[in-house]
Amino acid sequence: MPEHPQSSPAPRFAAIDAARGGALLAMATYHAVWDLGYLRLSPENYALTLPGRTAAHLIAGAFLVLVGIGLVLMNGRGLRMRPTLARFVRIGGAAALITAATYLIFPDSFIFFGVLHCIAVSSVLALPFLFAPLGLAALAAALVIAAPHVVAYPVLDAPALSFLGLGAGVPRTNDYVPLFPWFGIVLAGLVLGRLSLPTLARSRLGAWRPASRPARAAAFAGRHSLLVYLVHQPVLLVLLTGLLMLAGPSPRAGLGSFMAEYGQNCTRTGGERSACRVAARCTANALRRETLWALAGRDFTPAERLRAQSLSQACYEAAEGTAPPP
C-alpha cells in the first residue's frame, strides 16, 4: 500500500459536502419520525413500518457511499497516515460514546454496532482497496453485499460476532449496520469515487460553489457531519419531550398496533374475523373511557388486568350480537 507522508488530499468539492448535508437532513427527518413514535406523539411509530425501514436503509446507504468517496478524496493520491488515524479515532470515539449513552437510556436495545461503528471499521478495511485493481475492488463490493443473502449461520449470532451481520437472526438494537452488507456499500462508494472524481474535478459541478442560504447550510453541515450527527438527536429529543409535556401524547397512539394484535389473538382463539375487528375497536374505546389505555406503556395491576379482560369479553360478545356493548 503506497504511503506518501507529503501527499495532499484531492481538492474539496462543495457538491459532495452539500450531498452529505442533504443526507444529514434526511437522517434527521427519519430520527424525528422515530422520536415522535417513541414518545407517542404520533399514532404509530412510522419509522418502524416498511416504508420507514426502507428510508432508513437508503439514508444509511447514501452515507456509506459518501464514506467511500471521502476515502478516495483523502487518500487517493497516497495514504495519509496521520489524518487517517486521527479520523478513525474521532469516529471510533464517537461510536463508543453512542454505545455508552444508549446503554444508559436503552439497556435492552443499546447501539453496539450502528452507522458510526460501521464507518470506523469500514474506513480501515477499505484502505487496501484504494490502490488495488479497480475490478478487484468492485468484485469485493459485490461479494460483501451478497454475503448475507447466502450466509446465515446461527453460530454467528453470538454477541461477539453479531457485528458481522451473517447470523440467522437480527439482534435487538436501535441501530444495526453490520459489516455485511454495509462494508460493501463503502467499497461501492470507493469504486465510484475512483471512477468519477477525475471527471468531477474537470466538470462544472466540481467547480460549483453554494450561493443560496440553503445550499451554504447544506455544505457547512456536510463539512461538519460528525458533529451534526452527534448533536441532532439529543436536540430533537429535548424539543419533542418539551412538546410532549405541553400537549400530551396522541390520543390514537398505539391504536393501530393494538388493533392488529387484538385481531390476531382473537382469530387465533377461534373468533370470527369480522367480529374480532369490531371487538378490537370497542375494546380500545372502552379502555380509554375507563383510563386503562396504558399510554405510558406500564403493566396493568391484577385488578386492572381483570377489568380489561372483562371489557374485552363484553366487547366480543356485543360484536357477536349476544350481549349489549360495555
C-alpha atoms as a PDB file:
ATOM      1  CA  MET A   1       0.000   0.000   0.000  1.00  0.00           C
ATOM      2  CA  PRO A   2       1.682   3.250  -1.067  1.00  0.00           C
ATOM      3  CA  GLU A   3       2.378   5.752   1.659  1.00  0.00           C
ATOM      4  CA  HIS A   4       3.459   9.316   0.917  1.00  0.00           C
ATOM      5  CA  PRO A   5       3.827  11.490   4.019  1.00  0.00           C
ATOM      6  CA  GLN A   6       3.951  14.624   1.880  1.00  0.00           C
ATOM      7  CA  SER A   7       0.947  13.745  -0.272  1.00  0.00           C
ATOM      8  CA  SER A   8      -2.055  16.020  -0.115  1.00  0.00           C
ATOM      9  CA  PRO A   9      -5.765  15.234  -0.364  1.00  0.00           C
ATOM     10  CA  ALA A  10      -7.697  15.907  -3.527  1.00  0.00           C
ATOM     11  CA  PRO A  11      -9.447  19.300  -3.711  1.00  0.00           C
ATOM     12  CA  ARG A  12     -12.599  19.602  -1.622  1.00  0.00           C
ATOM     13  CA  PHE A  13     -15.803  19.546  -3.667  1.00  0.00           C
ATOM     14  CA  ALA A  14     -18.651  21.656  -2.338  1.00  0.00           C
ATOM     15  CA  ALA A  15     -21.112  19.459  -4.229  1.00  0.00           C
ATOM     16  CA  ILE A  16     -20.055  16.426  -2.184  1.00  0.00           C
ATOM     17  CA  ASP A  17     -20.293  18.419   1.048  1.00  0.00           C
ATOM     18  CA  ALA A  18     -23.797  19.529   0.055  1.00  0.00           C
ATOM     19  CA  ALA A  19     -24.771  15.929  -0.783  1.00  0.00           C
ATOM     20  CA  ARG A  20     -23.582  14.876   2.650  1.00  0.00           C
ATOM     21  CA  GLY A  21     -25.603  17.721   4.142  1.00  0.00           C
ATOM     22  CA  GLY A  22     -28.680  16.512   2.276  1.00  0.00           C
ATOM     23  CA  ALA A  23     -28.154  13.028   3.681  1.00  0.00           C
ATOM     24  CA  LEU A  24     -27.906  14.536   7.160  1.00  0.00           C
ATOM     25  CA  LEU A  25     -31.229  16.320   6.649  1.00  0.00           C
ATOM     26  CA  ALA A  26     -32.853  13.065   5.550  1.00  0.00           C
ATOM     27  CA  MET A  27     -31.376  11.286   8.566  1.00  0.00           C
ATOM     28  CA  ALA A  28     -32.600  13.977  10.969  1.00  0.00           C
ATOM     29  CA  THR A  29     -36.079  13.753   9.428  1.00  0.00           C
ATOM     30  CA  TYR A  30     -36.118   9.981   9.907  1.00  0.00           C
ATOM     31  CA  HIS A  31     -34.958  10.320  13.508  1.00  0.00           C
ATOM     32  CA  ALA A  32     -37.654  12.923  14.158  1.00  0.00           C
ATOM     33  CA  VAL A  33     -40.282  10.467  12.894  1.00  0.00           C
ATOM     34  CA  TRP A  34     -38.795   7.755  15.145  1.00  0.00           C
ATOM     35  CA  ASP A  35     -38.798  10.109  18.145  1.00  0.00           C
ATOM     36  CA  LEU A  36     -42.425  11.090  17.544  1.00  0.00           C
ATOM     37  CA  GLY A  37     -43.407   7.441  17.647  1.00  0.00           C
ATOM     38  CA  TYR A  38     -41.190   6.607  20.620  1.00  0.00           C
ATOM     39  CA  LEU A  39     -42.648   9.492  22.635  1.00  0.00           C
ATOM     40  CA  ARG A  40     -46.158   8.542  21.441  1.00  0.00           C
ATOM     41  CA  LEU A  41     -46.715  11.924  19.861  1.00  0.00           C
ATOM     42  CA  SER A  42     -47.837  10.193  16.668  1.00  0.00           C
ATOM     43  CA  PRO A  43     -50.460   7.437  16.380  1.00  0.00           C
ATOM     44  CA  GLU A  44     -47.801   4.864  15.430  1.00  0.00           C
ATOM     45  CA  ASN A  45     -44.036   4.768  15.071  1.00  0.00           C
ATOM     46  CA  TYR A  46     -43.980   5.169  11.318  1.00  0.00           C
ATOM     47  CA  ALA A  47     -40.183   4.823  11.289  1.00  0.00           C
ATOM     48  CA  LEU A  48     -40.698   1.129  12.076  1.00  0.00           C
ATOM     49  CA  THR A  49     -43.041   0.496   9.144  1.00  0.00           C
ATOM     50  CA  LEU A  50     -41.824  -0.957   5.854  1.00  0.00           C
ATOM     51  CA  PRO A  51     -41.562   2.494   4.181  1.00  0.00           C
ATOM     52  CA  GLY A  52     -39.746   3.799   7.261  1.00  0.00           C
ATOM     53  CA  ARG A  53     -37.245   0.948   7.280  1.00  0.00           C
ATOM     54  CA  THR A  54     -36.716   1.334   3.548  1.00  0.00           C
ATOM     55  CA  ALA A  55     -35.985   5.030   4.031  1.00  0.00           C
ATOM     56  CA  ALA A  56     -33.534   4.210   6.833  1.00  0.00           C
ATOM     57  CA  HIS A  57     -31.647   1.784   4.584  1.00  0.00           C
ATOM     58  CA  LEU A  58     -31.498   4.299   1.724  1.00  0.00           C
ATOM     59  CA  ILE A  59     -30.201   7.037   4.038  1.00  0.00           C
ATOM     60  CA  ALA A  60     -27.565   4.751   5.573  1.00  0.00           C
ATOM     61  CA  GLY A  61     -26.543   3.633   2.098  1.00  0.00           C
ATOM     62  CA  ALA A  62     -26.126   7.232   0.944  1.00  0.00           C
ATOM     63  CA  PHE A  63     -23.862   7.978   3.903  1.00  0.00           C
ATOM     64  CA  LEU A  64     -21.715   4.907   3.323  1.00  0.00           C
ATOM     65  CA  VAL A  65     -21.328   5.613  -0.391  1.00  0.00           C
ATOM     66  CA  LEU A  66     -20.111   9.083   0.574  1.00  0.00           C
ATOM     67  CA  VAL A  67     -17.710   7.489   3.081  1.00  0.00           C
ATOM     68  CA  GLY A  68     -16.132   5.516   0.235  1.00  0.00           C
ATOM     69  CA  ILE A  69     -15.878   8.631  -1.924  1.00  0.00           C
ATOM     70  CA  GLY A  70     -14.365  10.533   1.005  1.00  0.00           C
ATOM     71  CA  LEU A  71     -11.678   7.890   1.443  1.00  0.00           C
ATOM     72  CA  VAL A  72     -10.642   8.412  -2.173  1.00  0.00           C
ATOM     73  CA  LEU A  73     -10.570  12.178  -1.666  1.00  0.00           C
ATOM     74  CA  MET A  74      -8.404  11.830   1.445  1.00  0.00           C
ATOM     75  CA  ASN A  75      -6.037   9.070   0.363  1.00  0.00           C
ATOM     76  CA  GLY A  76      -6.396   8.597  -3.379  1.00  0.00           C
ATOM     77  CA  ARG A  77      -3.033  10.252  -4.052  1.00  0.00           C
ATOM     78  CA  GLY A  78      -1.253   8.148  -1.425  1.00  0.00           C
ATOM     79  CA  LEU A  79      -2.042   7.002   2.080  1.00  0.00           C
ATOM     80  CA  ARG A  80      -2.009   9.912   4.543  1.00  0.00           C
ATOM     81  CA  MET A  81      -1.464   8.019   7.765  1.00  0.00           C
ATOM     82  CA  ARG A  82      -1.767  10.795  10.328  1.00  0.00           C
ATOM     83  CA  PRO A  83      -5.095  12.331   9.194  1.00  0.00           C
ATOM     84  CA  THR A  84      -6.465   8.843   8.501  1.00  0.00           C
ATOM     85  CA  LEU A  85      -5.614   7.716  12.026  1.00  0.00           C
ATOM     86  CA  ALA A  86      -6.992  10.933  13.523  1.00  0.00           C
ATOM     87  CA  ARG A  87     -10.240  10.440  11.596  1.00  0.00           C
ATOM     88  CA  PHE A  88     -10.534   6.859  12.849  1.00  0.00           C
ATOM     89  CA  VAL A  89     -10.007   7.993  16.449  1.00  0.00           C
ATOM     90  CA  ARG A  90     -12.685  10.695  16.111  1.00  0.00           C
ATOM     91  CA  ILE A  91     -15.285   8.423  14.559  1.00  0.00           C
ATOM     92  CA  GLY A  92     -14.421   5.441  16.762  1.00  0.00           C
ATOM     93  CA  GLY A  93     -14.582   7.612  19.872  1.00  0.00           C
ATOM     94  CA  ALA A  94     -17.955   8.991  18.814  1.00  0.00           C
ATOM     95  CA  ALA A  95     -19.203   5.441  18.201  1.00  0.00           C
ATOM     96  CA  ALA A  96     -18.094   4.412  21.694  1.00  0.00           C
ATOM     97  CA  LEU A  97     -19.911   7.456  23.101  1.00  0.00           C
ATOM     98  CA  ILE A  98     -23.086   6.409  21.259  1.00  0.00           C
ATOM     99  CA  THR A  99     -22.808   2.903  22.712  1.00  0.00           C
ATOM    100  CA  ALA A 100     -22.330   4.198  26.262  1.00  0.00           C
ATOM    101  CA  ALA A 101     -25.174   6.725  26.026  1.00  0.00           C
ATOM    102  CA  THR A 102     -27.677   4.320  24.510  1.00  0.00           C
ATOM    103  CA  TYR A 103     -26.751   1.625  27.037  1.00  0.00           C
ATOM    104  CA  LEU A 104     -27.781   4.022  29.798  1.00  0.00           C
ATOM    105  CA  ILE A 105     -31.018   5.068  28.064  1.00  0.00           C
ATOM    106  CA  PHE A 106     -31.986   1.839  26.258  1.00  0.00           C
ATOM    107  CA  PRO A 107     -30.199  -1.014  28.079  1.00  0.00           C
ATOM    108  CA  ASP A 108     -32.294  -3.655  26.273  1.00  0.00           C
ATOM    109  CA  SER A 109     -31.664  -2.266  22.779  1.00  0.00           C
ATOM    110  CA  PHE A 110     -28.483  -0.177  23.001  1.00  0.00           C
ATOM    111  CA  ILE A 111     -26.462   0.509  19.850  1.00  0.00           C
ATOM    112  CA  PHE A 112     -23.421  -1.764  19.760  1.00  0.00           C
ATOM    113  CA  PHE A 113     -22.701  -1.561  16.018  1.00  0.00           C
ATOM    114  CA  GLY A 114     -24.515   1.285  14.350  1.00  0.00           C
ATOM    115  CA  VAL A 115     -23.620   3.522  11.443  1.00  0.00           C
ATOM    116  CA  LEU A 116     -20.648   5.198  13.166  1.00  0.00           C
ATOM    117  CA  HIS A 117     -19.186   1.850  14.222  1.00  0.00           C
ATOM    118  CA  CYS A 118     -19.553   0.594  10.665  1.00  0.00           C
ATOM    119  CA  ILE A 119     -17.939   3.735   9.228  1.00  0.00           C
ATOM    120  CA  ALA A 120     -14.968   3.488  11.604  1.00  0.00           C
ATOM    121  CA  VAL A 121     -14.231  -0.174  10.890  1.00  0.00           C
ATOM    122  CA  SER A 122     -15.015   0.032   7.171  1.00  0.00           C
ATOM    123  CA  SER A 123     -12.712   3.027   6.760  1.00  0.00           C
ATOM    124  CA  VAL A 124      -9.789   0.873   7.894  1.00  0.00           C
ATOM    125  CA  LEU A 125     -10.778  -2.262   5.988  1.00  0.00           C
ATOM    126  CA  ALA A 126     -11.241  -0.262   2.774  1.00  0.00           C
ATOM    127  CA  LEU A 127      -7.742   1.251   2.709  1.00  0.00           C
ATOM    128  CA  PRO A 128      -6.103  -1.573   0.682  1.00  0.00           C
ATOM    129  CA  PHE A 129      -8.808  -1.238  -1.972  1.00  0.00           C
ATOM    130  CA  LEU A 130      -7.785   2.356  -2.653  1.00  0.00           C
ATOM    131  CA  PHE A 131      -4.762   1.014  -4.514  1.00  0.00           C
ATOM    132  CA  ALA A 132      -5.953  -2.460  -5.577  1.00  0.00           C
ATOM    133  CA  PRO A 133      -7.051  -3.067  -9.171  1.00  0.00           C
ATOM    134  CA  LEU A 134     -10.415  -1.440  -9.710  1.00  0.00           C
ATOM    135  CA  GLY A 135     -12.036  -4.691 -10.818  1.00  0.00           C
ATOM    136  CA  LEU A 136     -10.917  -6.403  -7.608  1.00  0.00           C
ATOM    137  CA  ALA A 137     -12.433  -3.615  -5.510  1.00  0.00           C
ATOM    138  CA  ALA A 138     -15.722  -3.872  -7.432  1.00  0.00           C
ATOM    139  CA  LEU A 139     -15.764  -7.666  -7.023  1.00  0.00           C
ATOM    140  CA  ALA A 140     -15.149  -7.341  -3.270  1.00  0.00           C
ATOM    141  CA  ALA A 141     -18.023  -4.844  -3.001  1.00  0.00           C
ATOM    142  CA  ALA A 142     -20.389  -7.226  -4.780  1.00  0.00           C
ATOM    143  CA  LEU A 143     -19.363 -10.217  -2.650  1.00  0.00           C
ATOM    144  CA  VAL A 144     -19.756  -8.341   0.630  1.00  0.00           C
ATOM    145  CA  ILE A 145     -23.182  -7.034  -0.378  1.00  0.00           C
ATOM    146  CA  ALA A 146     -24.318 -10.503  -1.469  1.00  0.00           C
ATOM    147  CA  ALA A 147     -22.905 -12.408   1.520  1.00  0.00           C
ATOM    148  CA  PRO A 148     -25.908 -12.023   3.917  1.00  0.00           C
ATOM    149  CA  HIS A 149     -28.183 -13.481   1.239  1.00  0.00           C
ATOM    150  CA  VAL A 150     -26.210 -16.738   1.081  1.00  0.00           C
ATOM    151  CA  VAL A 151     -24.713 -16.992   4.587  1.00  0.00           C
ATOM    152  CA  ALA A 152     -26.858 -17.219   7.723  1.00  0.00           C
ATOM    153  CA  TYR A 153     -25.201 -19.295  10.428  1.00  0.00           C
ATOM    154  CA  PRO A 154     -26.731 -19.385  13.948  1.00  0.00           C
ATOM    155  CA  VAL A 155     -23.234 -19.662  15.431  1.00  0.00           C
ATOM    156  CA  LEU A 156     -22.580 -16.128  14.125  1.00  0.00           C
ATOM    157  CA  ASP A 157     -25.469 -14.815  16.237  1.00  0.00           C
ATOM    158  CA  ALA A 158     -23.098 -14.875  19.225  1.00  0.00           C
ATOM    159  CA  PRO A 159     -22.848 -11.355  20.717  1.00  0.00           C
ATOM    160  CA  ALA A 160     -19.143 -11.135  19.902  1.00  0.00           C
ATOM    161  CA  LEU A 161     -19.797 -11.923  16.228  1.00  0.00           C
ATOM    162  CA  SER A 162     -23.156 -10.266  15.570  1.00  0.00           C
ATOM    163  CA  PHE A 163     -21.403  -7.155  14.199  1.00  0.00           C
ATOM    164  CA  LEU A 164     -20.671  -9.221  11.079  1.00  0.00           C
ATOM    165  CA  GLY A 165     -24.344  -9.479  10.075  1.00  0.00           C
ATOM    166  CA  LEU A 166     -24.015 -13.097   8.938  1.00  0.00           C
ATOM    167  CA  GLY A 167     -26.094 -14.730  11.678  1.00  0.00           C
ATOM    168  CA  ALA A 168     -29.530 -16.276  11.345  1.00  0.00           C
ATOM    169  CA  GLY A 169     -31.321 -13.566  13.353  1.00  0.00           C
ATOM    170  CA  VAL A 170     -31.294  -9.821  13.896  1.00  0.00           C
ATOM    171  CA  PRO A 171     -30.142  -8.584  17.329  1.00  0.00           C
ATOM    172  CA  ARG A 172     -32.303  -6.241  19.382  1.00  0.00           C
ATOM    173  CA  THR A 173     -30.754  -2.805  18.926  1.00  0.00           C
ATOM    174  CA  ASN A 174     -31.882   0.676  17.915  1.00  0.00           C
ATOM    175  CA  ASP A 175     -29.362   0.991  15.075  1.00  0.00           C
ATOM    176  CA  TYR A 176     -27.802  -2.015  13.361  1.00  0.00           C
ATOM    177  CA  VAL A 177     -25.399  -1.502  10.457  1.00  0.00           C
ATOM    178  CA  PRO A 178     -23.302  -4.697  10.316  1.00  0.00           C
ATOM    179  CA  LEU A 179     -20.222  -5.092   8.147  1.00  0.00           C
ATOM    180  CA  PHE A 180     -22.074  -7.403   5.769  1.00  0.00           C
ATOM    181  CA  PRO A 181     -23.586  -5.990   3.591  1.00  0.00           C
ATOM    182  CA  TRP A 182     -22.775  -2.386   4.539  1.00  0.00           C
ATOM    183  CA  PHE A 183     -18.999  -2.545   4.146  1.00  0.00           C
ATOM    184  CA  GLY A 184     -19.795  -3.473   0.556  1.00  0.00           C
ATOM    185  CA  ILE A 185     -21.628  -0.160   0.159  1.00  0.00           C
ATOM    186  CA  VAL A 186     -18.494   1.680   1.339  1.00  0.00           C
ATOM    187  CA  LEU A 187     -16.463  -0.257  -1.233  1.00  0.00           C
ATOM    188  CA  ALA A 188     -19.038   0.625  -3.893  1.00  0.00           C
ATOM    189  CA  GLY A 189     -18.598   4.296  -2.986  1.00  0.00           C
ATOM    190  CA  LEU A 190     -14.823   3.862  -3.172  1.00  0.00           C
ATOM    191  CA  VAL A 191     -15.111   2.368  -6.664  1.00  0.00           C
ATOM    192  CA  LEU A 192     -17.483   5.174  -7.674  1.00  0.00           C
ATOM    193  CA  GLY A 193     -15.017   7.737  -6.332  1.00  0.00           C
ATOM    194  CA  ARG A 194     -12.063   6.257  -8.170  1.00  0.00           C
ATOM    195  CA  LEU A 195     -14.058   6.216 -11.394  1.00  0.00           C
ATOM    196  CA  SER A 196     -15.815   9.576 -11.190  1.00  0.00           C
ATOM    197  CA  LEU A 197     -13.697  12.015  -9.185  1.00  0.00           C
ATOM    198  CA  PRO A 198     -11.248  12.791 -12.011  1.00  0.00           C
ATOM    199  CA  THR A 199     -14.201  13.654 -14.247  1.00  0.00           C
ATOM    200  CA  LEU A 200     -15.889  15.621 -11.450  1.00  0.00           C
ATOM    201  CA  ALA A 201     -12.720  17.716 -10.994  1.00  0.00           C
ATOM    202  CA  ARG A 202     -12.954  18.862 -14.629  1.00  0.00           C
ATOM    203  CA  SER A 203     -16.707  19.467 -14.637  1.00  0.00           C
ATOM    204  CA  ARG A 204     -18.913  22.464 -13.842  1.00  0.00           C
ATOM    205  CA  LEU A 205     -20.324  20.513 -10.893  1.00  0.00           C
ATOM    206  CA  GLY A 206     -16.824  20.128  -9.497  1.00  0.00           C
ATOM    207  CA  ALA A 207     -16.343  23.900  -9.657  1.00  0.00           C
ATOM    208  CA  TRP A 208     -19.768  24.640  -8.144  1.00  0.00           C
ATOM    209  CA  ARG A 209     -19.878  26.848  -5.062  1.00  0.00           C
ATOM    210  CA  PRO A 210     -23.052  27.224  -2.960  1.00  0.00           C
ATOM    211  CA  ALA A 211     -24.676  30.621  -3.349  1.00  0.00           C
ATOM    212  CA  SER A 212     -28.080  30.327  -1.704  1.00  0.00           C
ATOM    213  CA  ARG A 213     -28.513  30.101   2.050  1.00  0.00           C
ATOM    214  CA  PRO A 214     -29.898  26.517   1.999  1.00  0.00           C
ATOM    215  CA  ALA A 215     -27.024  25.352  -0.210  1.00  0.00           C
ATOM    216  CA  ARG A 216     -24.435  27.007   2.042  1.00  0.00           C
ATOM    217  CA  ALA A 217     -26.097  25.465   5.093  1.00  0.00           C
ATOM    218  CA  ALA A 218     -26.048  22.004   3.473  1.00  0.00           C
ATOM    219  CA  ALA A 219     -22.380  22.343   2.541  1.00  0.00           C
ATOM    220  CA  PHE A 220     -21.483  23.590   6.013  1.00  0.00           C
ATOM    221  CA  ALA A 221     -23.325  20.672   7.642  1.00  0.00           C
ATOM    222  CA  GLY A 222     -21.610  18.272   5.269  1.00  0.00           C
ATOM    223  CA  ARG A 223     -18.192  19.593   6.258  1.00  0.00           C
ATOM    224  CA  HIS A 224     -19.049  19.034   9.949  1.00  0.00           C
ATOM    225  CA  SER A 225     -21.133  15.887   9.567  1.00  0.00           C
ATOM    226  CA  LEU A 226     -19.828  14.084  12.674  1.00  0.00           C
ATOM    227  CA  LEU A 227     -20.711  16.994  14.942  1.00  0.00           C
ATOM    228  CA  VAL A 228     -24.161  17.312  13.373  1.00  0.00           C
ATOM    229  CA  TYR A 229     -24.725  13.580  13.766  1.00  0.00           C
ATOM    230  CA  LEU A 230     -23.840  13.646  17.465  1.00  0.00           C
ATOM    231  CA  VAL A 231     -25.854  16.759  18.311  1.00  0.00           C
ATOM    232  CA  HIS A 232     -29.053  16.454  16.296  1.00  0.00           C
ATOM    233  CA  GLN A 233     -30.703  13.559  18.135  1.00  0.00           C
ATOM    234  CA  PRO A 234     -30.324  14.967  21.685  1.00  0.00           C
ATOM    235  CA  VAL A 235     -31.680  18.298  20.413  1.00  0.00           C
ATOM    236  CA  LEU A 236     -34.661  16.578  18.780  1.00  0.00           C
ATOM    237  CA  LEU A 237     -35.421  14.575  21.918  1.00  0.00           C
ATOM    238  CA  VAL A 238     -35.295  17.659  24.139  1.00  0.00           C
ATOM    239  CA  LEU A 239     -37.586  19.644  21.833  1.00  0.00           C
ATOM    240  CA  LEU A 240     -40.084  16.829  21.345  1.00  0.00           C
ATOM    241  CA  THR A 241     -40.094  15.921  25.035  1.00  0.00           C
ATOM    242  CA  GLY A 242     -40.999  19.536  25.737  1.00  0.00           C
ATOM    243  CA  LEU A 243     -43.821  19.242  23.212  1.00  0.00           C
ATOM    244  CA  LEU A 244     -44.991  16.058  24.941  1.00  0.00           C
ATOM    245  CA  MET A 245     -45.097  17.849  28.298  1.00  0.00           C
ATOM    246  CA  LEU A 246     -47.164  20.658  26.784  1.00  0.00           C
ATOM    247  CA  ALA A 247     -49.540  18.736  24.529  1.00  0.00           C
ATOM    248  CA  GLY A 248     -49.509  15.203  25.882  1.00  0.00           C
ATOM    249  CA  PRO A 249     -49.379  12.046  23.781  1.00  0.00           C
ATOM    250  CA  SER A 250     -51.546  11.461  20.744  1.00  0.00           C
ATOM    251  CA  PRO A 251     -54.972  10.090  21.763  1.00  0.00           C
ATOM    252  CA  ARG A 252     -54.566   7.499  18.998  1.00  0.00           C
ATOM    253  CA  ALA A 253     -51.052   6.446  19.989  1.00  0.00           C
ATOM    254  CA  GLY A 254     -50.681   2.692  19.737  1.00  0.00           C
ATOM    255  CA  LEU A 255     -54.184   2.167  18.344  1.00  0.00           C
ATOM    256  CA  GLY A 256     -53.075   0.549  15.093  1.00  0.00           C
ATOM    257  CA  SER A 257     -50.723  -1.952  16.738  1.00  0.00           C
ATOM    258  CA  PHE A 258     -53.345  -2.712  19.425  1.00  0.00           C
ATOM    259  CA  MET A 259     -55.985  -3.406  16.767  1.00  0.00           C
ATOM    260  CA  ALA A 260     -53.647  -5.683  14.833  1.00  0.00           C
ATOM    261  CA  GLU A 261     -52.520  -7.626  17.896  1.00  0.00           C
ATOM    262  CA  TYR A 262     -56.063  -7.931  19.252  1.00  0.00           C
ATOM    263  CA  GLY A 263     -57.315  -9.212  15.901  1.00  0.00           C
ATOM    264  CA  GLN A 264     -54.545 -11.813  15.671  1.00  0.00           C
ATOM    265  CA  ASN A 265     -55.163 -13.085  19.197  1.00  0.00           C
ATOM    266  CA  CYS A 266     -58.927 -13.069  18.702  1.00  0.00           C
ATOM    267  CA  THR A 267     -58.905 -15.066  15.442  1.00  0.00           C
ATOM    268  CA  ARG A 268     -56.255 -17.446  16.777  1.00  0.00           C
ATOM    269  CA  THR A 269     -58.576 -18.383  19.645  1.00  0.00           C
ATOM    270  CA  GLY A 270     -61.480 -19.105  17.294  1.00  0.00           C
ATOM    271  CA  GLY A 271     -63.125 -15.706  16.895  1.00  0.00           C
ATOM    272  CA  GLU A 272     -64.776 -14.611  13.650  1.00  0.00           C
ATOM    273  CA  ARG A 273     -62.602 -12.132  11.761  1.00  0.00           C
ATOM    274  CA  SER A 274     -65.338  -9.506  11.332  1.00  0.00           C
ATOM    275  CA  ALA A 275     -66.426  -9.781  14.971  1.00  0.00           C
ATOM    276  CA  CYS A 276     -62.804  -9.530  16.088  1.00  0.00           C
ATOM    277  CA  ARG A 277     -62.353  -6.248  14.199  1.00  0.00           C
ATOM    278  CA  VAL A 278     -65.463  -4.754  15.799  1.00  0.00           C
ATOM    279  CA  ALA A 279     -64.458  -6.046  19.239  1.00  0.00           C
ATOM    280  CA  ALA A 280     -60.946  -4.608  18.894  1.00  0.00           C
ATOM    281  CA  ARG A 281     -62.218  -1.082  18.289  1.00  0.00           C
ATOM    282  CA  CYS A 282     -64.854  -1.439  21.029  1.00  0.00           C
ATOM    283  CA  THR A 283     -62.207  -2.624  23.495  1.00  0.00           C
ATOM    284  CA  ALA A 284     -59.841   0.239  22.645  1.00  0.00           C
ATOM    285  CA  ASN A 285     -62.638   2.760  23.211  1.00  0.00           C
ATOM    286  CA  ALA A 286     -63.634   1.089  26.476  1.00  0.00           C
ATOM    287  CA  LEU A 287     -60.048   1.044  27.771  1.00  0.00           C
ATOM    288  CA  ARG A 288     -59.676   4.750  27.005  1.00  0.00           C
ATOM    289  CA  ARG A 289     -63.022   5.553  28.579  1.00  0.00           C
ATOM    290  CA  GLU A 290     -62.017   3.835  31.825  1.00  0.00           C
ATOM    291  CA  THR A 291     -58.458   5.288  31.766  1.00  0.00           C
ATOM    292  CA  LEU A 292     -56.960   1.834  31.252  1.00  0.00           C
ATOM    293  CA  TRP A 293     -55.314   2.736  27.961  1.00  0.00           C
ATOM    294  CA  ALA A 294     -51.697   2.333  29.043  1.00  0.00           C
ATOM    295  CA  LEU A 295     -50.210   5.287  27.220  1.00  0.00           C
ATOM    296  CA  ALA A 296     -47.086   5.163  29.343  1.00  0.00           C
ATOM    297  CA  GLY A 297     -46.561   1.510  28.497  1.00  0.00           C
ATOM    298  CA  ARG A 298     -46.793   0.407  32.128  1.00  0.00           C
ATOM    299  CA  ASP A 299     -48.047  -3.052  33.149  1.00  0.00           C
ATOM    300  CA  PHE A 300     -51.565  -3.451  34.436  1.00  0.00           C
ATOM    301  CA  THR A 301     -52.138  -4.241  38.076  1.00  0.00           C
ATOM    302  CA  PRO A 302     -54.005  -7.531  38.657  1.00  0.00           C
ATOM    303  CA  ALA A 303     -57.257  -5.631  39.188  1.00  0.00           C
ATOM    304  CA  GLU A 304     -56.744  -3.547  36.036  1.00  0.00           C
ATOM    305  CA  ARG A 305     -55.951  -6.661  34.028  1.00  0.00           C
ATOM    306  CA  LEU A 306     -59.157  -8.353  35.181  1.00  0.00           C
ATOM    307  CA  ARG A 307     -61.174  -5.258  34.294  1.00  0.00           C
ATOM    308  CA  ALA A 308     -59.531  -5.028  30.853  1.00  0.00           C
ATOM    309  CA  GLN A 309     -60.260  -8.695  30.171  1.00  0.00           C
ATOM    310  CA  SER A 310     -63.878  -8.175  31.249  1.00  0.00           C
ATOM    311  CA  LEU A 311     -64.234  -5.235  28.861  1.00  0.00           C
ATOM    312  CA  SER A 312     -62.687  -7.229  26.030  1.00  0.00           C
ATOM    313  CA  GLN A 313     -65.024 -10.169  26.604  1.00  0.00           C
ATOM    314  CA  ALA A 314     -68.055  -7.887  26.747  1.00  0.00           C
ATOM    315  CA  CYS A 315     -66.985  -6.196  23.507  1.00  0.00           C
ATOM    316  CA  TYR A 316     -66.611  -9.507  21.706  1.00  0.00           C
ATOM    317  CA  GLU A 317     -69.986 -10.743  22.915  1.00  0.00           C
ATOM    318  CA  ALA A 318     -71.525  -7.476  21.741  1.00  0.00           C
ATOM    319  CA  ALA A 319     -69.802  -7.848  18.359  1.00  0.00           C
ATOM    320  CA  GLU A 320     -71.335 -11.323  18.011  1.00  0.00           C
ATOM    321  CA  GLY A 321     -74.721  -9.927  18.965  1.00  0.00           C
ATOM    322  CA  THR A 322     -75.070 -11.988  22.144  1.00  0.00           C
ATOM    323  CA  ALA A 323     -74.794  -9.101  24.623  1.00  0.00           C
ATOM    324  CA  PRO A 324     -75.036  -5.292  24.784  1.00  0.00           C
ATOM    325  CA  PRO A 325     -71.751  -3.359  24.480  1.00  0.00           C
ATOM    326  CA  PRO A 326     -69.979  -2.450  27.749  1.00  0.00           C
END
